[in-house]
């Protein structure tokens, strides 16, 4: 049974417990000797690690296992916890629930809130489209459980639902302050923009990872397929409206270099993209800051390319 969780670990503490292994790298010191970098994680967080000794025997075990018993000493390095691993051991059976992070909000309540917002879509074809998705018990079950990402943002069970709900709530505020927005189109686009993520990730067993379809097609392509499958059954759905929704899905990353084949070209698509960026970056920053104990400055976030200040 797992006893030590990452959110309880402090600098100076020794550890000897089971963790998920991720981001394993075999590197060389300046003198040519090998060393390892890896990340260990459980449902409460993650810690970057280095291993200087017993590298070859440990590398063989780590490459072939998702879980391992890690022994080492935790210190603080550049504002973040870091573990110097001294020993790696094989483990028997584990409880995946100890290692898969879950949203800290009630999934049933979030589902009810999102369904309530969807009722504000008074355009009949858009309402029928949303109903066609959420009347599908299989879709709803996957949508409630799916993560919003692998590592960057909302990377936990229920993350997709939380991300979508937050965007929908902000979308309603935007419609009040920008009355020229088509509120029904914006809310529908927000709800559907990331639906492909229900098939993009695997998360039955940790860590969260990309599925084959996720790697080959990505959630934008998968989402377009899912939308068109539903539209085929709604024969009266206006084609121009369908193109607006397709555009909102394919453009929501904003730029080609960020994964969108087209930039946002409608007012609703521009708002959707910016709400997506806002919620994703705030969640990523908060999650990163939570991993760094105390106040002051965090370590360096390699994706967002900055340190974050937590205050005194």
Foldseek 3Di string as FASTA:
>chain_A
DFDDALLVDDAFDKFWGKWFKADWDWDADPVGQIKIWIWTAAQPGIAIEIERPPHPVQVVVNVVDRMWTWTFHWHADQLFIYTHTDDIGDDDDDDLNGGAHADPDDLVVLVVLLVVLLVPQPPVLLNVLVCLQCVPVVLVVLQQQFAPDQAQFSQGGRSNSVLLSQLSVVLVVVCVVVVVDNSNLLNSLSNLQQSLRSQQWDVPGDDIDGDPCCVVQNRLRSSLVVSVVSVVVVVPRDPVSVVSSNLLNQALCADVVSRRPDGDDDPSSVSNNVSSVVNSNVRSVVSQVSRRDDFAWHGADPVVGGIDGRDD
